[in-house]
Each structure stands twice: as C-alpha cells, then as structure tokens.
C-alpha atoms as a PDB file:
ATOM      1  CA  MET A   1      -0.324 165.409 143.360  1.00  0.00           C
ATOM      2  CA  ALA A   2       2.503 165.365 145.904  1.00  0.00           C
ATOM      3  CA  PHE A   3       1.244 162.014 147.230  1.00  0.00           C
ATOM      4  CA  LYS A   4       1.411 160.445 143.750  1.00  0.00           C
ATOM      5  CA  PHE A   5       4.976 161.715 143.280  1.00  0.00           C
ATOM      6  CA  VAL A   6       6.103 160.334 146.646  1.00  0.00           C
ATOM      7  CA  PHE A   7       4.411 156.989 145.959  1.00  0.00           C
ATOM      8  CA  VAL A   8       5.973 156.661 142.499  1.00  0.00           C
ATOM      9  CA  PHE A   9       9.393 157.686 143.845  1.00  0.00           C
ATOM     10  CA  PHE A  10       9.338 155.046 146.585  1.00  0.00           C
ATOM     11  CA  ALA A  11       7.942 152.353 144.264  1.00  0.00           C
ATOM     12  CA  VAL A  12      10.768 152.942 141.785  1.00  0.00           C
ATOM     13  CA  ALA A  13      13.349 153.014 144.597  1.00  0.00           C
ATOM     14  CA  LEU A  14      12.091 149.721 146.033  1.00  0.00           C
ATOM     15  CA  VAL A  15      12.048 147.978 142.653  1.00  0.00           C
ATOM     16  CA  GLY A  16      15.591 149.169 141.934  1.00  0.00           C
ATOM     17  CA  HIS A  17      16.737 147.995 145.347  1.00  0.00           C
ATOM     18  CA  ALA A  18      15.133 144.568 144.915  1.00  0.00           C
ATOM     19  CA  LEU A  19      16.623 144.073 141.465  1.00  0.00           C
ATOM     20  CA  ALA A  20      20.122 145.056 142.583  1.00  0.00           C
ATOM     21  CA  TYR A  21      20.596 141.892 144.641  1.00  0.00           C
ATOM     22  CA  SER A  22      19.109 139.528 142.102  1.00  0.00           C
ATOM     23  CA  SER A  23      22.411 139.841 140.239  1.00  0.00           C
ATOM     24  CA  GLY A  24      24.627 138.834 143.157  1.00  0.00           C
ATOM     25  CA  ALA A  25      25.579 139.830 146.659  1.00  0.00           C
ATOM     26  CA  PRO A  26      26.711 143.438 147.110  1.00  0.00           C
ATOM     27  CA  ALA A  27      30.305 144.089 148.194  1.00  0.00           C
ATOM     28  CA  ASP A  28      29.067 145.647 151.432  1.00  0.00           C
ATOM     29  CA  ALA A  29      27.868 142.169 152.484  1.00  0.00           C
ATOM     30  CA  CYS A  30      31.466 140.878 152.505  1.00  0.00           C
ATOM     31  CA  GLU A  31      32.089 141.349 156.231  1.00  0.00           C
ATOM     32  CA  ASP A  32      29.041 139.829 157.906  1.00  0.00           C
ATOM     33  CA  MET A  33      27.752 138.002 154.806  1.00  0.00           C
ATOM     34  CA  THR A  34      24.227 139.184 155.555  1.00  0.00           C
ATOM     35  CA  PRO A  35      22.273 140.141 152.458  1.00  0.00           C
ATOM     36  CA  GLN A  36      20.356 143.378 152.600  1.00  0.00           C
ATOM     37  CA  HIS A  37      16.988 141.650 152.064  1.00  0.00           C
ATOM     38  CA  HIS A  38      15.208 143.670 154.794  1.00  0.00           C
ATOM     39  CA  THR A  39      14.281 140.527 156.669  1.00  0.00           C
ATOM     40  CA  ASP A  40      16.079 138.466 159.279  1.00  0.00           C
ATOM     41  CA  PRO A  41      17.951 135.271 158.378  1.00  0.00           C
ATOM     42  CA  GLN A  42      16.460 131.916 159.289  1.00  0.00           C
ATOM     43  CA  THR A  43      17.467 130.526 162.688  1.00  0.00           C
ATOM     44  CA  SER A  44      16.727 126.891 161.861  1.00  0.00           C
ATOM     45  CA  ASP A  45      19.358 124.526 160.492  1.00  0.00           C
ATOM     46  CA  ALA A  46      19.953 125.228 156.821  1.00  0.00           C
ATOM     47  CA  PRO A  47      18.503 122.608 154.447  1.00  0.00           C
ATOM     48  CA  TYR A  48      21.770 122.471 152.502  1.00  0.00           C
ATOM     49  CA  ASN A  49      24.878 120.281 152.468  1.00  0.00           C
ATOM     50  CA  LEU A  50      28.406 121.618 151.937  1.00  0.00           C
ATOM     51  CA  GLN A  51      30.585 118.816 150.576  1.00  0.00           C
ATOM     52  CA  LEU A  52      34.364 119.100 150.107  1.00  0.00           C
ATOM     53  CA  SER A  53      36.299 117.306 147.383  1.00  0.00           C
ATOM     54  CA  ARG A  54      39.273 117.001 149.753  1.00  0.00           C
ATOM     55  CA  LYS A  55      39.920 117.790 153.407  1.00  0.00           C
ATOM     56  CA  ALA A  56      43.674 118.322 153.025  1.00  0.00           C
ATOM     57  CA  ILE A  57      45.579 120.157 150.289  1.00  0.00           C
ATOM     58  CA  ARG A  58      48.927 121.819 149.748  1.00  0.00           C
ATOM     59  CA  SER A  59      49.334 125.571 149.529  1.00  0.00           C
ATOM     60  CA  GLY A  60      48.553 126.734 146.006  1.00  0.00           C
ATOM     61  CA  ASP A  61      46.275 123.724 145.349  1.00  0.00           C
ATOM     62  CA  GLU A  62      42.549 123.714 144.648  1.00  0.00           C
ATOM     63  CA  VAL A  63      39.585 122.259 146.472  1.00  0.00           C
ATOM     64  CA  GLN A  64      36.020 122.005 145.216  1.00  0.00           C
ATOM     65  CA  LEU A  65      33.013 122.788 147.381  1.00  0.00           C
ATOM     66  CA  THR A  66      29.609 121.473 146.337  1.00  0.00           C
ATOM     67  CA  ILE A  67      26.490 122.991 147.830  1.00  0.00           C
ATOM     68  CA  SER A  68      23.266 121.048 147.463  1.00  0.00           C
ATOM     69  CA  GLY A  69      19.773 121.020 148.879  1.00  0.00           C
ATOM     70  CA  LYS A  70      18.926 118.181 151.223  1.00  0.00           C
ATOM     71  CA  THR A  71      15.623 117.582 149.386  1.00  0.00           C
ATOM     72  CA  SER A  72      14.347 118.353 145.901  1.00  0.00           C
ATOM     73  CA  ALA A  73      12.397 121.307 147.344  1.00  0.00           C
ATOM     74  CA  ASP A  74      15.581 122.946 148.688  1.00  0.00           C
ATOM     75  CA  LYS A  75      16.500 125.010 145.652  1.00  0.00           C
ATOM     76  CA  ILE A  76      19.207 127.668 145.666  1.00  0.00           C
ATOM     77  CA  ARG A  77      18.280 131.066 144.300  1.00  0.00           C
ATOM     78  CA  GLY A  78      21.193 133.061 145.686  1.00  0.00           C
ATOM     79  CA  PHE A  79      24.382 132.640 147.671  1.00  0.00           C
ATOM     80  CA  MET A  80      27.678 134.094 148.813  1.00  0.00           C
ATOM     81  CA  ILE A  81      30.665 131.943 149.788  1.00  0.00           C
ATOM     82  CA  GLN A  82      34.045 132.797 151.298  1.00  0.00           C
ATOM     83  CA  ALA A  83      36.967 130.731 152.577  1.00  0.00           C
ATOM     84  CA  ARG A  84      37.946 131.900 156.043  1.00  0.00           C
ATOM     85  CA  GLN A  85      40.787 131.416 158.462  1.00  0.00           C
ATOM     86  CA  GLY A  86      38.890 132.389 161.587  1.00  0.00           C
ATOM     87  CA  SER A  87      37.232 135.667 160.560  1.00  0.00           C
ATOM     88  CA  LYS A  88      39.808 136.516 157.861  1.00  0.00           C
ATOM     89  CA  ARG A  89      39.046 135.865 154.184  1.00  0.00           C
ATOM     90  CA  VAL A  90      41.770 133.847 152.451  1.00  0.00           C
ATOM     91  CA  GLY A  91      42.494 132.583 148.960  1.00  0.00           C
ATOM     92  CA  GLN A  92      40.694 133.125 145.705  1.00  0.00           C
ATOM     93  CA  PHE A  93      37.886 131.464 143.833  1.00  0.00           C
ATOM     94  CA  LYS A  94      38.273 130.352 140.250  1.00  0.00           C
ATOM     95  CA  VAL A  95      35.195 130.643 138.026  1.00  0.00           C
ATOM     96  CA  ASP A  96      34.626 130.025 134.336  1.00  0.00           C
ATOM     97  CA  ALA A  97      33.485 133.368 132.893  1.00  0.00           C
ATOM     98  CA  LYS A  98      30.832 131.482 130.898  1.00  0.00           C
ATOM     99  CA  ASP A  99      29.273 129.951 134.022  1.00  0.00           C
ATOM    100  CA  PRO A 100      25.640 131.115 133.966  1.00  0.00           C
ATOM    101  CA  PHE A 101      25.162 130.891 137.760  1.00  0.00           C
ATOM    102  CA  VAL A 102      28.431 131.749 139.579  1.00  0.00           C
ATOM    103  CA  GLN A 103      30.609 134.866 139.531  1.00  0.00           C
ATOM    104  CA  THR A 104      33.492 136.073 141.685  1.00  0.00           C
ATOM    105  CA  LEU A 105      33.203 139.045 144.023  1.00  0.00           C
ATOM    106  CA  ASP A 106      36.075 141.252 145.168  1.00  0.00           C
ATOM    107  CA  CYS A 107      35.813 141.980 148.880  1.00  0.00           C
ATOM    108  CA  GLY A 108      37.807 145.080 149.688  1.00  0.00           C
ATOM    109  CA  LYS A 109      41.161 144.845 147.940  1.00  0.00           C
ATOM    110  CA  GLU A 110      41.005 141.048 147.820  1.00  0.00           C
ATOM    111  CA  PRO A 111      40.230 139.964 144.231  1.00  0.00           C
ATOM    112  CA  ALA A 112      37.926 136.956 143.804  1.00  0.00           C
ATOM    113  CA  SER A 113      37.795 136.456 147.585  1.00  0.00           C
ATOM    114  CA  ALA A 114      34.128 135.448 147.400  1.00  0.00           C
ATOM    115  CA  VAL A 115      31.684 133.959 144.944  1.00  0.00           C
ATOM    116  CA  THR A 116      28.043 134.871 144.494  1.00  0.00           C
ATOM    117  CA  HIS A 117      25.165 134.172 142.119  1.00  0.00           C
ATOM    118  CA  LYS A 118      24.515 135.845 138.801  1.00  0.00           C
ATOM    119  CA  GLN A 119      21.169 137.195 137.761  1.00  0.00           C
ATOM    120  CA  HIS A 120      18.794 134.463 136.643  1.00  0.00           C
ATOM    121  CA  ASP A 121      15.103 133.709 136.772  1.00  0.00           C
ATOM    122  CA  GLU A 122      13.554 131.296 139.210  1.00  0.00           C
ATOM    123  CA  LYS A 123      13.219 128.573 136.549  1.00  0.00           C
ATOM    124  CA  GLU A 124      17.027 128.416 136.706  1.00  0.00           C
ATOM    125  CA  ASP A 125      17.287 127.952 140.492  1.00  0.00           C
ATOM    126  CA  LYS A 126      19.817 125.258 141.322  1.00  0.00           C
ATOM    127  CA  ARG A 127      19.532 122.171 143.421  1.00  0.00           C
ATOM    128  CA  SER A 128      23.331 121.957 143.570  1.00  0.00           C
ATOM    129  CA  PHE A 129      26.455 123.608 142.193  1.00  0.00           C
ATOM    130  CA  THR A 130      30.221 123.411 142.686  1.00  0.00           C
ATOM    131  CA  VAL A 131      32.827 126.145 143.143  1.00  0.00           C
ATOM    132  CA  THR A 132      36.630 125.939 143.075  1.00  0.00           C
ATOM    133  CA  TRP A 133      38.844 127.647 145.647  1.00  0.00           C
ATOM    134  CA  VAL A 134      42.606 128.094 145.347  1.00  0.00           C
ATOM    135  CA  ALA A 135      44.716 128.199 148.514  1.00  0.00           C
ATOM    136  CA  PRO A 136      47.298 130.999 148.679  1.00  0.00           C
ATOM    137  CA  LYS A 137      50.916 130.032 148.050  1.00  0.00           C
ATOM    138  CA  ASP A 138      52.932 129.750 151.291  1.00  0.00           C
ATOM    139  CA  PHE A 139      49.693 129.433 153.305  1.00  0.00           C
ATOM    140  CA  LYS A 140      49.646 126.792 156.011  1.00  0.00           C
ATOM    141  CA  ASP A 141      46.623 126.591 158.279  1.00  0.00           C
ATOM    142  CA  GLU A 142      43.045 125.387 158.418  1.00  0.00           C
ATOM    143  CA  ILE A 143      40.157 127.115 156.670  1.00  0.00           C
ATOM    144  CA  ASN A 144      36.490 126.481 156.346  1.00  0.00           C
ATOM    145  CA  PHE A 145      33.970 127.761 153.887  1.00  0.00           C
ATOM    146  CA  ARG A 146      31.303 130.089 155.142  1.00  0.00           C
ATOM    147  CA  ALA A 147      28.148 130.486 153.078  1.00  0.00           C
ATOM    148  CA  THR A 148      24.975 132.505 152.936  1.00  0.00           C
ATOM    149  CA  ILE A 149      22.352 130.600 150.967  1.00  0.00           C
ATOM    150  CA  ALA A 150      18.975 131.935 149.838  1.00  0.00           C
ATOM    151  CA  LEU A 151      15.981 129.806 149.003  1.00  0.00           C
ATOM    152  CA  ASN A 152      14.353 133.061 147.867  1.00  0.00           C
ATOM    153  CA  GLY A 153      14.551 136.772 148.711  1.00  0.00           C
ATOM    154  CA  GLY A 154      12.878 136.389 152.098  1.00  0.00           C
ATOM    155  CA  VAL A 155      14.176 132.979 153.196  1.00  0.00           C
ATOM    156  CA  PHE A 156      17.930 132.664 153.646  1.00  0.00           C
ATOM    157  CA  TRP A 157      20.546 131.255 156.020  1.00  0.00           C
ATOM    158  CA  VAL A 158      23.752 133.029 157.085  1.00  0.00           C
ATOM    159  CA  GLY A 159      26.836 131.310 158.480  1.00  0.00           C
ATOM    160  CA  VAL A 160      26.436 127.877 156.949  1.00  0.00           C
ATOM    161  CA  THR A 161      29.903 126.349 157.346  1.00  0.00           C
ATOM    162  CA  SER A 162      31.800 123.447 155.858  1.00  0.00           C
ATOM    163  CA  GLU A 163      34.155 121.056 157.544  1.00  0.00           C
ATOM    164  CA  LYS A 164      37.710 122.313 157.897  1.00  0.00           C
ATOM    165  CA  VAL A 165      40.266 122.016 155.113  1.00  0.00           C
ATOM    166  CA  LYS A 166      43.865 121.564 156.220  1.00  0.00           C
ATOM    167  CA  VAL A 167      46.304 123.470 153.996  1.00  0.00           C
ATOM    168  CA  HIS A 168      49.917 122.333 154.445  1.00  0.00           C
END
C-alpha cells in the first residue's frame, strides 16, 4: 500500500513539473537561461539563425529579432530570449497580448526583460518567429541577444547569441 502511494505521489509530481515548463520558462531560469529540463543542453552548434532587423539604433528605438530553424526539421517548441550588455539584462520586450506563441517574462524587478513561449501543442511548433525589443532611453552601448531554444523537452541549446546591436 505504501509503495502505491509513493509511486502515485511521484508520478503526479513529475507530471506537474513537466507541465509547468510547457507554458514558458520559469523566472528562476533568468540568470543562466538554463531550463530545468533535467537533461544537459546540446553542445553542438544550434540549428537556428538569429537575424536582426537593424544593427544600429538610437536609445528608445526598437529592433526586431527573428529566430528561425536552418532546415524545415528545425522546429521551435520553446525558447527564452534576453538582450544583454555583457551579463546584464537591458531593455524591454514588446509583445502583442494576443500573440499565441510569445509572452514577456519579468526577471527579478525588471519588467518584460525576457520573452518566452506560451503553452501550445506540438502541432503549433514554429519554424520561425519575430520578437521586438525596445532599447532603454539614455542607453548607449552595444548589446546582443542571448537565447535558449528548445527543439523539444530533451533537446535544447543554451547561449545562442545574435550579432551585436549598437545603441547610440
């Protein structure tokens, strides 16, 4: 009897844990951007492209970042993206509340400092999507986008970076 209780308890706990991340990255992943998938990230080059709409903007302006698979098999099930000046998160993302795939994430006391996926089923995996980032006013430096991209729950890449964006 005790064995059945322990088994049921752990089965329910594991299902709850697995479902929690299907609706976006947890806030505790904000620092190292490593999802809590209980498996190591891939060490190979990520099969994704990060394309910038512009490589130079003024403070307060927007830039779009498009993430896409390099082949039709390179779908995107989950992700987390931040703009960073070195290791520091900067700026905010702007997302349409009706977007079925992308939502903002507050990291610490920094509102909308990251974006992540919303819950969806695998039939809705993306081959590409675009996010909008807004540079802080009075900010002058270079940033790059840092992404964690998941093909599925067990196959993901951490630290995929874009080219630099000069904010002047």
